[in-house]
PDB file of N, CA and C in Angstrom:
ATOM      1  N   MET A   1       7.543  16.311  -8.402  1.00  0.00           N
ATOM      2  CA  MET A   1       7.669  16.591  -9.811  1.00  0.00           C
ATOM      3  C   MET A   1       6.367  16.196 -10.485  1.00  0.00           C
ATOM      4  N   SER A   2       5.981  16.941 -11.462  1.00  0.00           N
ATOM      5  CA  SER A   2       4.771  16.611 -12.197  1.00  0.00           C
ATOM      6  C   SER A   2       5.063  16.686 -13.689  1.00  0.00           C
ATOM      7  N   ALA A   3       4.206  16.027 -14.448  1.00  0.00           N
ATOM      8  CA  ALA A   3       4.345  16.024 -15.893  1.00  0.00           C
ATOM      9  C   ALA A   3       2.987  16.311 -16.509  1.00  0.00           C
ATOM     10  N   LYS A   4       2.992  17.086 -17.522  1.00  0.00           N
ATOM     11  CA  LYS A   4       1.754  17.409 -18.216  1.00  0.00           C
ATOM     12  C   LYS A   4       1.479  16.291 -19.220  1.00  0.00           C
ATOM     13  N   VAL A   5       0.268  15.735 -19.166  1.00  0.00           N
ATOM     14  CA  VAL A   5      -0.121  14.661 -20.075  1.00  0.00           C
ATOM     15  C   VAL A   5      -1.480  14.987 -20.680  1.00  0.00           C
ATOM     16  N   SER A   6      -1.738  14.381 -21.781  1.00  0.00           N
ATOM     17  CA  SER A   6      -3.039  14.531 -22.423  1.00  0.00           C
ATOM     18  C   SER A   6      -3.754  13.193 -22.334  1.00  0.00           C
ATOM     19  N   ILE A   7      -4.969  13.191 -21.815  1.00  0.00           N
ATOM     20  CA  ILE A   7      -5.738  11.955 -21.694  1.00  0.00           C
ATOM     21  C   ILE A   7      -7.119  12.167 -22.301  1.00  0.00           C
ATOM     22  N   THR A   8      -7.767  11.078 -22.619  1.00  0.00           N
ATOM     23  CA  THR A   8      -9.121  11.122 -23.149  1.00  0.00           C
ATOM     24  C   THR A   8     -10.044  10.471 -22.133  1.00  0.00           C
ATOM     25  N   LEU A   9     -11.082  11.202 -21.749  1.00  0.00           N
ATOM     26  CA  LEU A   9     -12.061  10.686 -20.792  1.00  0.00           C
ATOM     27  C   LEU A   9     -13.425  10.589 -21.461  1.00  0.00           C
ATOM     28  N   ASP A  10     -14.198   9.600 -21.058  1.00  0.00           N
ATOM     29  CA  ASP A  10     -15.586   9.530 -21.505  1.00  0.00           C
ATOM     30  C   ASP A  10     -16.307  10.781 -21.031  1.00  0.00           C
ATOM     31  N   GLU A  11     -17.291  11.202 -21.778  1.00  0.00           N
ATOM     32  CA  GLU A  11     -18.024  12.424 -21.424  1.00  0.00           C
ATOM     33  C   GLU A  11     -18.626  12.330 -20.019  1.00  0.00           C
ATOM     34  N   GLU A  12     -19.204  11.183 -19.681  1.00  0.00           N
ATOM     35  CA  GLU A  12     -19.814  11.022 -18.359  1.00  0.00           C
ATOM     36  C   GLU A  12     -18.771  11.123 -17.255  1.00  0.00           C
ATOM     37  N   VAL A  13     -17.606  10.576 -17.511  1.00  0.00           N
ATOM     38  CA  VAL A  13     -16.527  10.634 -16.517  1.00  0.00           C
ATOM     39  C   VAL A  13     -16.069  12.070 -16.340  1.00  0.00           C
ATOM     40  N   LEU A  14     -15.914  12.777 -17.438  1.00  0.00           N
ATOM     41  CA  LEU A  14     -15.488  14.170 -17.360  1.00  0.00           C
ATOM     42  C   LEU A  14     -16.529  15.021 -16.619  1.00  0.00           C
ATOM     43  N   GLU A  15     -17.803  14.774 -16.857  1.00  0.00           N
ATOM     44  CA  GLU A  15     -18.858  15.490 -16.137  1.00  0.00           C
ATOM     45  C   GLU A  15     -18.772  15.201 -14.643  1.00  0.00           C
ATOM     46  N   PHE A  16     -18.495  13.950 -14.304  1.00  0.00           N
ATOM     47  CA  PHE A  16     -18.329  13.578 -12.893  1.00  0.00           C
ATOM     48  C   PHE A  16     -17.155  14.327 -12.274  1.00  0.00           C
ATOM     49  N   VAL A  17     -16.036  14.362 -12.978  1.00  0.00           N
ATOM     50  CA  VAL A  17     -14.849  15.069 -12.487  1.00  0.00           C
ATOM     51  C   VAL A  17     -15.174  16.541 -12.266  1.00  0.00           C
ATOM     52  N   ASP A  18     -15.825  17.141 -13.233  1.00  0.00           N
ATOM     53  CA  ASP A  18     -16.149  18.567 -13.139  1.00  0.00           C
ATOM     54  C   ASP A  18     -17.143  18.859 -12.010  1.00  0.00           C
ATOM     55  N   ARG A  19     -18.069  17.942 -11.753  1.00  0.00           N
ATOM     56  CA  ARG A  19     -19.009  18.118 -10.634  1.00  0.00           C
ATOM     57  C   ARG A  19     -18.315  17.930  -9.289  1.00  0.00           C
ATOM     58  N   SER A  20     -17.278  17.120  -9.288  1.00  0.00           N
ATOM     59  CA  SER A  20     -16.622  16.750  -8.034  1.00  0.00           C
ATOM     60  C   SER A  20     -15.589  17.755  -7.555  1.00  0.00           C
ATOM     61  N   SER A  21     -15.004  18.496  -8.489  1.00  0.00           N
ATOM     62  CA  SER A  21     -13.927  19.401  -8.102  1.00  0.00           C
ATOM     63  C   SER A  21     -13.757  20.503  -9.144  1.00  0.00           C
ATOM     64  N   PRO A  22     -13.420  21.690  -8.676  1.00  0.00           N
ATOM     65  CA  PRO A  22     -13.140  22.761  -9.632  1.00  0.00           C
ATOM     66  C   PRO A  22     -11.761  22.604 -10.298  1.00  0.00           C
ATOM     67  N   ASN A  23     -10.932  21.716  -9.754  1.00  0.00           N
ATOM     68  CA  ASN A  23      -9.587  21.514 -10.280  1.00  0.00           C
ATOM     69  C   ASN A  23      -9.466  20.073 -10.776  1.00  0.00           C
ATOM     70  N   ARG A  24      -9.568  19.881 -12.076  1.00  0.00           N
ATOM     71  CA  ARG A  24      -9.529  18.535 -12.664  1.00  0.00           C
ATOM     72  C   ARG A  24      -8.243  17.786 -12.307  1.00  0.00           C
ATOM     73  N   SER A  25      -7.128  18.457 -12.492  1.00  0.00           N
ATOM     74  CA  SER A  25      -5.837  17.797 -12.248  1.00  0.00           C
ATOM     75  C   SER A  25      -5.709  17.337 -10.801  1.00  0.00           C
ATOM     76  N   GLN A  26      -6.071  18.211  -9.892  1.00  0.00           N
ATOM     77  CA  GLN A  26      -5.979  17.866  -8.474  1.00  0.00           C
ATOM     78  C   GLN A  26      -6.883  16.673  -8.146  1.00  0.00           C
ATOM     79  N   PHE A  27      -8.101  16.692  -8.681  1.00  0.00           N
ATOM     80  CA  PHE A  27      -9.044  15.603  -8.416  1.00  0.00           C
ATOM     81  C   PHE A  27      -8.534  14.282  -8.982  1.00  0.00           C
ATOM     82  N   ILE A  28      -8.081  14.297 -10.223  1.00  0.00           N
ATOM     83  CA  ILE A  28      -7.588  13.062 -10.845  1.00  0.00           C
ATOM     84  C   ILE A  28      -6.339  12.569 -10.132  1.00  0.00           C
ATOM     85  N   ASN A  29      -5.439  13.477  -9.741  1.00  0.00           N
ATOM     86  CA  ASN A  29      -4.255  13.071  -8.975  1.00  0.00           C
ATOM     87  C   ASN A  29      -4.640  12.427  -7.654  1.00  0.00           C
ATOM     88  N   GLN A  30      -5.633  13.009  -6.985  1.00  0.00           N
ATOM     89  CA  GLN A  30      -6.083  12.464  -5.701  1.00  0.00           C
ATOM     90  C   GLN A  30      -6.652  11.051  -5.873  1.00  0.00           C
ATOM     91  N   ILE A  31      -7.488  10.862  -6.882  1.00  0.00           N
ATOM     92  CA  ILE A  31      -8.077   9.545  -7.135  1.00  0.00           C
ATOM     93  C   ILE A  31      -6.996   8.521  -7.473  1.00  0.00           C
ATOM     94  N   LEU A  32      -6.059   8.898  -8.325  1.00  0.00           N
ATOM     95  CA  LEU A  32      -4.998   7.970  -8.710  1.00  0.00           C
ATOM     96  C   LEU A  32      -4.044   7.684  -7.548  1.00  0.00           C
ATOM     97  N   SER A  33      -3.792   8.671  -6.702  1.00  0.00           N
ATOM     98  CA  SER A  33      -2.963   8.442  -5.512  1.00  0.00           C
ATOM     99  C   SER A  33      -3.630   7.457  -4.566  1.00  0.00           C
ATOM    100  N   GLN A  34      -4.938   7.589  -4.411  1.00  0.00           N
ATOM    101  CA  GLN A  34      -5.684   6.644  -3.570  1.00  0.00           C
ATOM    102  C   GLN A  34      -5.634   5.233  -4.158  1.00  0.00           C
ATOM    103  N   ALA A  35      -5.765   5.136  -5.482  1.00  0.00           N
ATOM    104  CA  ALA A  35      -5.692   3.825  -6.140  1.00  0.00           C
ATOM    105  C   ALA A  35      -4.301   3.214  -5.967  1.00  0.00           C
ATOM    106  N   LYS A  36      -3.257   4.043  -6.091  1.00  0.00           N
ATOM    107  CA  LYS A  36      -1.882   3.557  -5.905  1.00  0.00           C
ATOM    108  C   LYS A  36      -1.683   3.060  -4.482  1.00  0.00           C
ATOM    109  N   LYS A  37      -2.151   3.835  -3.500  1.00  0.00           N
ATOM    110  CA  LYS A  37      -2.029   3.443  -2.098  1.00  0.00           C
ATOM    111  C   LYS A  37      -2.768   2.136  -1.840  1.00  0.00           C
ATOM    112  N   SER A  38      -3.963   2.025  -2.385  1.00  0.00           N
ATOM    113  CA  SER A  38      -4.756   0.809  -2.215  1.00  0.00           C
ATOM    114  C   SER A  38      -4.034  -0.402  -2.806  1.00  0.00           C
ATOM    115  N   GLN A  39      -3.432  -0.219  -3.979  1.00  0.00           N
ATOM    116  CA  GLN A  39      -2.700  -1.300  -4.627  1.00  0.00           C
ATOM    117  C   GLN A  39      -1.479  -1.708  -3.795  1.00  0.00           C
ATOM    118  N   LEU A  40      -0.767  -0.731  -3.262  1.00  0.00           N
ATOM    119  CA  LEU A  40       0.406  -1.040  -2.427  1.00  0.00           C
ATOM    120  C   LEU A  40       0.001  -1.753  -1.141  1.00  0.00           C
ATOM    121  N   LEU A  41      -1.099  -1.305  -0.525  1.00  0.00           N
ATOM    122  CA  LEU A  41      -1.580  -1.965   0.693  1.00  0.00           C
ATOM    123  C   LEU A  41      -2.021  -3.393   0.410  1.00  0.00           C
ATOM    124  N   GLN A  42      -2.634  -3.615  -0.750  1.00  0.00           N
ATOM    125  CA  GLN A  42      -3.037  -4.972  -1.124  1.00  0.00           C
ATOM    126  C   GLN A  42      -1.817  -5.858  -1.329  1.00  0.00           C
ATOM    127  N   ALA A  43      -0.770  -5.311  -1.960  1.00  0.00           N
ATOM    128  CA  ALA A  43       0.466  -6.071  -2.156  1.00  0.00           C
ATOM    129  C   ALA A  43       1.107  -6.407  -0.808  1.00  0.00           C
ATOM    130  N   LEU A  44       1.081  -5.467   0.130  1.00  0.00           N
ATOM    131  CA  LEU A  44       1.624  -5.708   1.460  1.00  0.00           C
ATOM    132  C   LEU A  44       0.810  -6.780   2.182  1.00  0.00           C
ATOM    133  N   ASP A  45      -0.504  -6.688   2.089  1.00  0.00           N
ATOM    134  CA  ASP A  45      -1.381  -7.689   2.694  1.00  0.00           C
ATOM    135  C   ASP A  45      -1.104  -9.070   2.105  1.00  0.00           C
ATOM    136  N   ASN A  46      -0.930  -9.132   0.793  1.00  0.00           N
ATOM    137  CA  ASN A  46      -0.618 -10.408   0.144  1.00  0.00           C
ATOM    138  C   ASN A  46       0.717 -10.969   0.632  1.00  0.00           C
ATOM    139  N   ALA A  47       1.700 -10.097   0.808  1.00  0.00           N
ATOM    140  CA  ALA A  47       3.014 -10.541   1.281  1.00  0.00           C
ATOM    141  C   ALA A  47       2.922 -11.084   2.705  1.00  0.00           C
ATOM    142  N   TYR A  48       2.172 -10.382   3.575  1.00  0.00           N
ATOM    143  CA  TYR A  48       2.003 -10.880   4.948  1.00  0.00           C
ATOM    144  C   TYR A  48       1.245 -12.199   4.973  1.00  0.00           C
ATOM    145  N   THR A  49       0.258 -12.344   4.116  1.00  0.00           N
ATOM    146  CA  THR A  49      -0.485 -13.600   4.038  1.00  0.00           C
ATOM    147  C   THR A  49       0.429 -14.727   3.580  1.00  0.00           C
ATOM    148  N   GLU A  50       1.286 -14.425   2.613  1.00  0.00           N
ATOM    149  CA  GLU A  50       2.237 -15.420   2.126  1.00  0.00           C
ATOM    150  C   GLU A  50       3.195 -15.844   3.243  1.00  0.00           C
ATOM    151  N   LEU A  51       3.691 -14.879   4.014  1.00  0.00           N
ATOM    152  CA  LEU A  51       4.574 -15.205   5.142  1.00  0.00           C
ATOM    153  C   LEU A  51       3.859 -16.046   6.199  1.00  0.00           C
ATOM    154  N   ALA A  52       2.600 -15.744   6.427  1.00  0.00           N
ATOM    155  CA  ALA A  52       1.835 -16.487   7.429  1.00  0.00           C
ATOM    156  C   ALA A  52       1.677 -17.955   7.046  1.00  0.00           C
ATOM    157  N   HIS A  53       1.758 -18.243   5.754  1.00  0.00           N
ATOM    158  CA  HIS A  53       1.610 -19.624   5.285  1.00  0.00           C
ATOM    159  C   HIS A  53       2.948 -20.264   4.913  1.00  0.00           C
ATOM    160  N   ASP A  54       4.045 -19.592   5.204  1.00  0.00           N
ATOM    161  CA  ASP A  54       5.383 -20.094   4.889  1.00  0.00           C
ATOM    162  C   ASP A  54       5.936 -20.817   6.115  1.00  0.00           C
ATOM    163  N   ALA A  55       5.935 -22.140   6.056  1.00  0.00           N
ATOM    164  CA  ALA A  55       6.348 -22.953   7.200  1.00  0.00           C
ATOM    165  C   ALA A  55       7.802 -22.685   7.596  1.00  0.00           C
ATOM    166  N   GLU A  56       8.687 -22.508   6.632  1.00  0.00           N
ATOM    167  CA  GLU A  56      10.101 -22.246   6.931  1.00  0.00           C
ATOM    168  C   GLU A  56      10.261 -20.921   7.674  1.00  0.00           C
ATOM    169  N   TYR A  57       9.552 -19.895   7.226  1.00  0.00           N
ATOM    170  CA  TYR A  57       9.595 -18.585   7.892  1.00  0.00           C
ATOM    171  C   TYR A  57       9.035 -18.691   9.311  1.00  0.00           C
ATOM    172  N   GLN A  58       7.938 -19.397   9.471  1.00  0.00           N
ATOM    173  CA  GLN A  58       7.330 -19.547  10.791  1.00  0.00           C
ATOM    174  C   GLN A  58       8.270 -20.272  11.754  1.00  0.00           C
ATOM    175  N   ALA A  59       8.972 -21.288  11.264  1.00  0.00           N
ATOM    176  CA  ALA A  59       9.924 -22.018  12.111  1.00  0.00           C
ATOM    177  C   ALA A  59      11.071 -21.105  12.540  1.00  0.00           C
ATOM    178  N   GLU A  60      11.580 -20.302  11.625  1.00  0.00           N
ATOM    179  CA  GLU A  60      12.666 -19.383  11.958  1.00  0.00           C
ATOM    180  C   GLU A  60      12.195 -18.323  12.954  1.00  0.00           C
ATOM    181  N   THR A  61      10.976 -17.838  12.787  1.00  0.00           N
ATOM    182  CA  THR A  61      10.417 -16.857  13.714  1.00  0.00           C
ATOM    183  C   THR A  61      10.330 -17.436  15.124  1.00  0.00           C
ATOM    184  N   LYS A  62       9.929 -18.696  15.236  1.00  0.00           N
ATOM    185  CA  LYS A  62       9.856 -19.331  16.557  1.00  0.00           C
ATOM    186  C   LYS A  62      11.236 -19.381  17.212  1.00  0.00           C
ATOM    187  N   LEU A  63      12.266 -19.666  16.427  1.00  0.00           N
ATOM    188  CA  LEU A  63      13.626 -19.694  16.976  1.00  0.00           C
ATOM    189  C   LEU A  63      14.022 -18.317  17.508  1.00  0.00           C
ATOM    190  N   TRP A  64      13.698 -17.269  16.775  1.00  0.00           N
ATOM    191  CA  TRP A  64      14.022 -15.917  17.223  1.00  0.00           C
ATOM    192  C   TRP A  64      13.208 -15.539  18.455  1.00  0.00           C
ATOM    193  N   ASP A  65      11.954 -15.970  18.516  1.00  0.00           N
ATOM    194  CA  ASP A  65      11.124 -15.686  19.679  1.00  0.00           C
ATOM    195  C   ASP A  65      11.748 -16.288  20.940  1.00  0.00           C
ATOM    196  N   VAL A  66      12.316 -17.485  20.824  1.00  0.00           N
ATOM    197  CA  VAL A  66      12.976 -18.116  21.952  1.00  0.00           C
ATOM    198  C   VAL A  66      14.210 -17.313  22.336  1.00  0.00           C
ATOM    199  N   THR A  67      14.978 -16.856  21.359  1.00  0.00           N
ATOM    200  CA  THR A  67      16.189 -16.078  21.628  1.00  0.00           C
ATOM    201  C   THR A  67      15.860 -14.770  22.306  1.00  0.00           C
ATOM    202  N   VAL A  68      14.817 -14.109  21.872  1.00  0.00           N
ATOM    203  CA  VAL A  68      14.426 -12.829  22.447  1.00  0.00           C
ATOM    204  C   VAL A  68      14.020 -12.998  23.901  1.00  0.00           C
ATOM    205  N   GLY A  69      13.383 -14.106  24.221  1.00  0.00           N
ATOM    206  CA  GLY A  69      12.881 -14.303  25.583  1.00  0.00           C
ATOM    207  C   GLY A  69      13.785 -15.186  26.442  1.00  0.00           C
ATOM    208  N   ASP A  70      15.088 -15.230  26.142  1.00  0.00           N
ATOM    209  CA  ASP A  70      15.966 -16.148  26.880  1.00  0.00           C
ATOM    210  C   ASP A  70      16.414 -15.635  28.239  1.00  0.00           C
ATOM    211  N   GLY A  71      15.974 -14.431  28.616  1.00  0.00           N
ATOM    212  CA  GLY A  71      16.254 -13.950  29.946  1.00  0.00           C
ATOM    213  C   GLY A  71      17.521 -13.139  30.094  1.00  0.00           C
ATOM    214  N   ILE A  72      18.269 -12.961  29.043  1.00  0.00           N
ATOM    215  CA  ILE A  72      19.498 -12.162  29.134  1.00  0.00           C
ATOM    216  C   ILE A  72      19.099 -10.697  29.273  1.00  0.00           C
ATOM    217  N   ASP A  73      19.646 -10.057  30.285  1.00  0.00           N
ATOM    218  CA  ASP A  73      19.341  -8.662  30.531  1.00  0.00           C
ATOM    219  C   ASP A  73      20.243  -7.780  29.690  1.00  0.00           C
ATOM    220  N   ALA A  74      19.669  -6.975  28.831  1.00  0.00           N
ATOM    221  CA  ALA A  74      20.432  -6.125  27.946  1.00  0.00           C
ATOM    222  C   ALA A  74      21.246  -5.071  28.713  1.00  0.00           C
ATOM    223  N   ALA A  75      20.769  -4.688  29.892  1.00  0.00           N
ATOM    224  CA  ALA A  75      21.454  -3.667  30.677  1.00  0.00           C
ATOM    225  C   ALA A  75      22.719  -4.209  31.332  1.00  0.00           C
ATOM    226  N   GLY A  76      22.839  -5.477  31.403  1.00  0.00           N
ATOM    227  CA  GLY A  76      24.070  -5.989  31.813  1.00  0.00           C
ATOM    228  C   GLY A  76      24.342  -6.709  33.008  1.00  0.00           C
TER     229      GLY A  76
END
């Protein structure tokens, strides 16, 4: 789904957009999609970093690691 919006760009920015692509909307959507993806990846990286420094989470992970490697054969 898309929505039509009106935005104001600096003249230099608009010249850059026009030099970069014949389709302004497509170019701006592509740039904003990349920025959104980058922001989401940064949030994910921050969450993993937080987990890596969470002692309670690390202790629970060690318990599960022991359970996974306890030698019980899933096939029976």
